[in-house]
C-alpha atoms as a PDB file:
ATOM      1  CA  MET A   1     -16.351  -0.292 -12.760  1.00  0.00           C
ATOM      2  CA  THR A   2     -13.284  -1.370 -14.650  1.00  0.00           C
ATOM      3  CA  GLY A   3     -10.838  -4.129 -13.855  1.00  0.00           C
ATOM      4  CA  THR A   4     -11.042  -7.572 -12.338  1.00  0.00           C
ATOM      5  CA  ARG A   5     -14.222  -8.677 -10.569  1.00  0.00           C
ATOM      6  CA  ARG A   6     -13.731  -8.766  -6.809  1.00  0.00           C
ATOM      7  CA  ARG A   7     -14.141 -12.189  -5.212  1.00  0.00           C
ATOM      8  CA  SER A   8     -13.127 -11.303  -1.646  1.00  0.00           C
ATOM      9  CA  TYR A   9     -16.086 -12.954   0.052  1.00  0.00           C
ATOM     10  CA  GLU A  10     -16.670 -15.923  -2.237  1.00  0.00           C
ATOM     11  CA  ALA A  11     -15.820 -19.471  -1.150  1.00  0.00           C
ATOM     12  CA  GLY A  12     -12.062 -20.057  -1.236  1.00  0.00           C
ATOM     13  CA  HIS A  13     -11.274 -16.344  -1.059  1.00  0.00           C
ATOM     14  CA  ARG A  14     -10.734 -13.793   1.677  1.00  0.00           C
ATOM     15  CA  PRO A  15     -10.547 -10.017   1.528  1.00  0.00           C
ATOM     16  CA  LYS A  16      -7.195  -8.293   1.437  1.00  0.00           C
ATOM     17  CA  PHE A  17      -6.257  -4.715   2.127  1.00  0.00           C
ATOM     18  CA  LEU A  18      -3.598  -3.140  -0.070  1.00  0.00           C
ATOM     19  CA  ILE A  19      -1.186  -0.702   1.597  1.00  0.00           C
ATOM     20  CA  VAL A  20       1.489   1.303  -0.198  1.00  0.00           C
ATOM     21  CA  ILE A  21       4.662   1.230   1.880  1.00  0.00           C
ATOM     22  CA  ASP A  22       6.979   4.195   1.503  1.00  0.00           C
ATOM     23  CA  GLU A  23       9.193   6.455   3.598  1.00  0.00           C
ATOM     24  CA  THR A  24       6.569   9.089   4.364  1.00  0.00           C
ATOM     25  CA  ASP A  25       5.716   9.904   7.975  1.00  0.00           C
ATOM     26  CA  GLU A  26       2.054   9.122   7.417  1.00  0.00           C
ATOM     27  CA  CYS A  27       2.703   5.609   6.088  1.00  0.00           C
ATOM     28  CA  ASP A  28       2.743   4.288   9.659  1.00  0.00           C
ATOM     29  CA  ARG A  29      -0.843   5.490  10.128  1.00  0.00           C
ATOM     30  CA  ALA A  30      -1.959   3.441   7.103  1.00  0.00           C
ATOM     31  CA  ILE A  31      -0.049   0.405   8.412  1.00  0.00           C
ATOM     32  CA  TYR A  32      -1.565   0.759  11.878  1.00  0.00           C
ATOM     33  CA  PHE A  33      -5.122   1.170  10.581  1.00  0.00           C
ATOM     34  CA  ALA A  34      -4.806  -1.688   8.082  1.00  0.00           C
ATOM     35  CA  ALA A  35      -3.308  -4.081  10.648  1.00  0.00           C
ATOM     36  CA  LYS A  36      -5.970  -3.343  13.250  1.00  0.00           C
ATOM     37  CA  ARG A  37      -8.846  -3.519  10.759  1.00  0.00           C
ATOM     38  CA  ALA A  38      -7.531  -6.681   9.104  1.00  0.00           C
ATOM     39  CA  ALA A  39      -7.249  -8.377  12.490  1.00  0.00           C
ATOM     40  CA  ARG A  40     -10.827  -7.361  13.330  1.00  0.00           C
ATOM     41  CA  VAL A  41     -12.386  -8.676  10.093  1.00  0.00           C
ATOM     42  CA  ALA A  42      -9.961 -11.564   9.398  1.00  0.00           C
ATOM     43  CA  ALA A  43      -8.624  -9.966   6.220  1.00  0.00           C
ATOM     44  CA  GLY A  44      -5.188 -10.330   4.695  1.00  0.00           C
ATOM     45  CA  LEU A  45      -2.708  -7.548   3.997  1.00  0.00           C
ATOM     46  CA  THR A  46      -0.750  -6.935   0.836  1.00  0.00           C
ATOM     47  CA  MET A  47       2.043  -4.417   1.293  1.00  0.00           C
ATOM     48  CA  LEU A  48       3.331  -2.789  -1.872  1.00  0.00           C
ATOM     49  CA  ASN A  49       6.522  -0.816  -2.361  1.00  0.00           C
ATOM     50  CA  ILE A  50       6.810   1.053  -5.645  1.00  0.00           C
ATOM     51  CA  MET A  51      10.265   1.924  -6.924  1.00  0.00           C
ATOM     52  CA  ALA A  52      10.636   4.691  -9.465  1.00  0.00           C
ATOM     53  CA  GLU A  53      11.896   3.676 -12.872  1.00  0.00           C
ATOM     54  CA  ALA A  54      15.575   4.533 -13.194  1.00  0.00           C
ATOM     55  CA  GLU A  55      17.295   5.571 -16.374  1.00  0.00           C
ATOM     56  CA  HIS A  56      20.829   4.441 -15.643  1.00  0.00           C
ATOM     57  CA  GLY A  57      21.245   1.847 -18.384  1.00  0.00           C
ATOM     58  CA  HIS A  58      23.823   3.897 -20.262  1.00  0.00           C
ATOM     59  CA  TRP A  59      26.260   3.655 -17.346  1.00  0.00           C
ATOM     60  CA  LEU A  60      26.769  -0.057 -17.935  1.00  0.00           C
ATOM     61  CA  GLY A  61      27.168  -1.793 -14.543  1.00  0.00           C
ATOM     62  CA  VAL A  62      26.382   1.280 -12.434  1.00  0.00           C
ATOM     63  CA  GLY A  63      22.687   1.051 -13.261  1.00  0.00           C
ATOM     64  CA  ASP A  64      22.574  -2.578 -12.128  1.00  0.00           C
ATOM     65  CA  ILE A  65      24.279  -1.690  -8.840  1.00  0.00           C
ATOM     66  CA  MET A  66      21.862   1.186  -8.217  1.00  0.00           C
ATOM     67  CA  LYS A  67      18.895  -1.046  -9.033  1.00  0.00           C
ATOM     68  CA  ALA A  68      20.134  -3.757  -6.643  1.00  0.00           C
ATOM     69  CA  GLU A  69      20.601  -1.178  -3.877  1.00  0.00           C
ATOM     70  CA  ALA A  70      17.102   0.220  -4.450  1.00  0.00           C
ATOM     71  CA  GLU A  71      15.623  -3.292  -4.364  1.00  0.00           C
ATOM     72  CA  GLU A  72      17.462  -4.060  -1.125  1.00  0.00           C
ATOM     73  CA  ALA A  73      16.187  -0.836   0.451  1.00  0.00           C
ATOM     74  CA  ALA A  74      12.623  -1.609  -0.704  1.00  0.00           C
ATOM     75  CA  ASP A  75      12.779  -5.149   0.691  1.00  0.00           C
ATOM     76  CA  SER A  76      14.082  -3.824   3.997  1.00  0.00           C
ATOM     77  CA  MET A  77      11.265  -1.258   4.190  1.00  0.00           C
ATOM     78  CA  LEU A  78       8.675  -3.954   3.449  1.00  0.00           C
ATOM     79  CA  GLU A  79      10.132  -6.281   6.083  1.00  0.00           C
ATOM     80  CA  ARG A  80      10.075  -3.527   8.739  1.00  0.00           C
ATOM     81  CA  ALA A  81       6.416  -2.862   7.938  1.00  0.00           C
ATOM     82  CA  ALA A  82       5.617  -6.595   8.016  1.00  0.00           C
ATOM     83  CA  ALA A  83       7.334  -6.937  11.403  1.00  0.00           C
ATOM     84  CA  ARG A  84       5.238  -4.058  12.750  1.00  0.00           C
ATOM     85  CA  VAL A  85       2.040  -5.734  11.511  1.00  0.00           C
ATOM     86  CA  ARG A  86       3.067  -9.075  13.049  1.00  0.00           C
ATOM     87  CA  GLU A  87       3.775  -7.335  16.352  1.00  0.00           C
ATOM     88  CA  MET A  88       0.510  -5.365  16.401  1.00  0.00           C
ATOM     89  CA  ALA A  89      -1.945  -7.835  14.940  1.00  0.00           C
ATOM     90  CA  GLY A  90      -0.269 -11.228  14.527  1.00  0.00           C
ATOM     91  CA  ILE A  91      -0.855 -11.136  10.767  1.00  0.00           C
ATOM     92  CA  GLU A  92       1.589 -12.304   8.107  1.00  0.00           C
ATOM     93  CA  SER A  93       1.569  -9.859   5.204  1.00  0.00           C
ATOM     94  CA  GLU A  94       2.178 -10.454   1.552  1.00  0.00           C
ATOM     95  CA  LYS A  95       5.077  -8.247   0.405  1.00  0.00           C
ATOM     96  CA  VAL A  96       5.231  -7.001  -3.181  1.00  0.00           C
ATOM     97  CA  ARG A  97       7.892  -4.831  -4.797  1.00  0.00           C
ATOM     98  CA  ARG A  98       7.257  -3.274  -8.207  1.00  0.00           C
ATOM     99  CA  THR A  99       8.812  -0.645 -10.419  1.00  0.00           C
ATOM    100  CA  GLY A 100       6.816   1.962 -12.323  1.00  0.00           C
ATOM    101  CA  GLN A 101       4.423   4.855 -12.034  1.00  0.00           C
ATOM    102  CA  SER A 102       2.526   4.627  -8.726  1.00  0.00           C
ATOM    103  CA  ALA A 103      -1.039   4.832 -10.016  1.00  0.00           C
ATOM    104  CA  ASP A 104      -0.373   2.345 -12.813  1.00  0.00           C
ATOM    105  CA  VAL A 105       1.350  -0.138 -10.508  1.00  0.00           C
ATOM    106  CA  ILE A 106      -1.453   0.076  -7.939  1.00  0.00           C
ATOM    107  CA  ARG A 107      -4.100  -0.534 -10.581  1.00  0.00           C
ATOM    108  CA  ASP A 108      -2.090  -3.481 -11.966  1.00  0.00           C
ATOM    109  CA  ILE A 109      -1.806  -5.105  -8.518  1.00  0.00           C
ATOM    110  CA  ILE A 110      -5.533  -4.648  -7.909  1.00  0.00           C
ATOM    111  CA  ASN A 111      -6.379  -6.139 -11.299  1.00  0.00           C
ATOM    112  CA  GLU A 112      -4.048  -9.108 -10.705  1.00  0.00           C
ATOM    113  CA  ASP A 113      -5.502 -10.013  -7.299  1.00  0.00           C
ATOM    114  CA  GLU A 114      -9.272 -10.391  -7.197  1.00  0.00           C
ATOM    115  CA  ASP A 115      -9.216 -10.598  -3.372  1.00  0.00           C
ATOM    116  CA  ILE A 116      -7.965  -7.049  -2.833  1.00  0.00           C
ATOM    117  CA  SER A 117     -11.009  -5.181  -1.607  1.00  0.00           C
ATOM    118  CA  PHE A 118      -9.663  -1.874  -0.228  1.00  0.00           C
ATOM    119  CA  LEU A 119      -6.696   0.403  -0.823  1.00  0.00           C
ATOM    120  CA  ILE A 120      -5.587   2.004   2.432  1.00  0.00           C
ATOM    121  CA  LEU A 121      -3.586   5.230   2.268  1.00  0.00           C
ATOM    122  CA  ALA A 122      -2.767   7.885   4.830  1.00  0.00           C
ATOM    123  CA  ALA A 123      -2.939  11.594   4.130  1.00  0.00           C
ATOM    124  CA  SER A 124      -0.114  13.883   5.125  1.00  0.00           C
ATOM    125  CA  ALA A 125      -0.785  15.931   8.237  1.00  0.00           C
ATOM    126  CA  GLY A 126       1.218  18.852   6.823  1.00  0.00           C
ATOM    127  CA  ASN A 127      -0.061  22.060   5.257  1.00  0.00           C
ATOM    128  CA  GLU A 128       1.166  21.079   1.786  1.00  0.00           C
ATOM    129  CA  GLY A 129      -1.881  18.927   1.071  1.00  0.00           C
ATOM    130  CA  PRO A 130      -2.675  15.250   1.505  1.00  0.00           C
ATOM    131  CA  GLY A 131       0.362  14.028  -0.432  1.00  0.00           C
ATOM    132  CA  PRO A 132       0.894  13.188  -4.083  1.00  0.00           C
ATOM    133  CA  LEU A 133      -0.460   9.636  -4.008  1.00  0.00           C
ATOM    134  CA  VAL A 134      -3.644  10.547  -2.136  1.00  0.00           C
ATOM    135  CA  SER A 135      -4.141  13.557  -4.424  1.00  0.00           C
ATOM    136  CA  GLN A 136      -3.627  11.468  -7.537  1.00  0.00           C
ATOM    137  CA  LEU A 137      -5.776   8.471  -6.596  1.00  0.00           C
ATOM    138  CA  ALA A 138      -8.507  10.108  -4.533  1.00  0.00           C
ATOM    139  CA  GLY A 139      -8.812  13.079  -6.853  1.00  0.00           C
ATOM    140  CA  LYS A 140      -9.895  12.974 -10.469  1.00  0.00           C
ATOM    141  CA  SER A 141      -9.661   9.210 -10.946  1.00  0.00           C
ATOM    142  CA  SER A 142     -11.506   8.196  -7.768  1.00  0.00           C
ATOM    143  CA  GLY A 143     -14.823   7.890  -9.587  1.00  0.00           C
ATOM    144  CA  THR A 144     -13.409   5.163 -11.825  1.00  0.00           C
ATOM    145  CA  PHE A 145     -11.087   3.492  -9.327  1.00  0.00           C
ATOM    146  CA  PRO A 146     -11.762  -0.285  -9.160  1.00  0.00           C
ATOM    147  CA  ILE A 147     -12.048  -0.536  -5.327  1.00  0.00           C
ATOM    148  CA  PRO A 148     -12.802   1.791  -2.413  1.00  0.00           C
ATOM    149  CA  ILE A 149      -9.956   3.937  -1.101  1.00  0.00           C
ATOM    150  CA  VAL A 150      -9.657   4.391   2.662  1.00  0.00           C
ATOM    151  CA  ILE A 151      -7.728   7.545   3.605  1.00  0.00           C
ATOM    152  CA  VAL A 152      -6.459   7.672   7.169  1.00  0.00           C
ATOM    153  CA  PRO A 153      -5.655  11.156   8.521  1.00  0.00           C
ATOM    154  CA  GLY A 154      -1.904  11.407   9.022  1.00  0.00           C
ATOM    155  CA  ASP A 155      -2.211  12.854  12.517  1.00  0.00           C
ATOM    156  CA  MET A 156      -4.708  10.298  13.812  1.00  0.00           C
ATOM    157  CA  SER A 157      -3.590   8.729  17.097  1.00  0.00           C
ATOM    158  CA  ASP A 158      -3.368   5.008  17.826  1.00  0.00           C
ATOM    159  CA  GLU A 159      -6.301   5.376  20.215  1.00  0.00           C
ATOM    160  CA  ALA A 160      -8.460   7.070  17.601  1.00  0.00           C
ATOM    161  CA  ILE A 161      -7.607   4.386  15.037  1.00  0.00           C
ATOM    162  CA  ASP A 162      -8.321   1.642  17.590  1.00  0.00           C
ATOM    163  CA  ALA A 163     -11.782   3.115  18.119  1.00  0.00           C
ATOM    164  CA  LEU A 164     -12.516   2.969  14.376  1.00  0.00           C
ATOM    165  CA  ALA A 165     -10.701  -0.091  13.155  1.00  0.00           C
END
């Protein structure tokens, strides 16, 4: 295993679940599962929004405006997800916004926080496959990923998640 040693269950630590927050339909399934499971096992939640790197620097001030708008949209998305978690499970979530390539950013966050013990993603329910992030992380690199990845089916109902989480 590569990366930072996990300390989730040592004295002074507590496990955290990492959830990637985006605009996909299936993201709500990951939020729901993570909130319910975290409440059950007294874990924390870290919600991560990853913004793509923009190449607008040559437009002088336009790039700064676009970046500020993207950051505002990301913060709003994170706050909506945090409100949903508070409503469902009474848990305050840590909100993190980063810019970069998804897999690299996720690995960086995991390596920075030794309490993160699971990455929770949801797979797309569509016919196009599980989605790019699930394909990328649970595919070729899953054997060397630093923590377990939980993949929630995108069409799983609240009742089915309640029975598992």
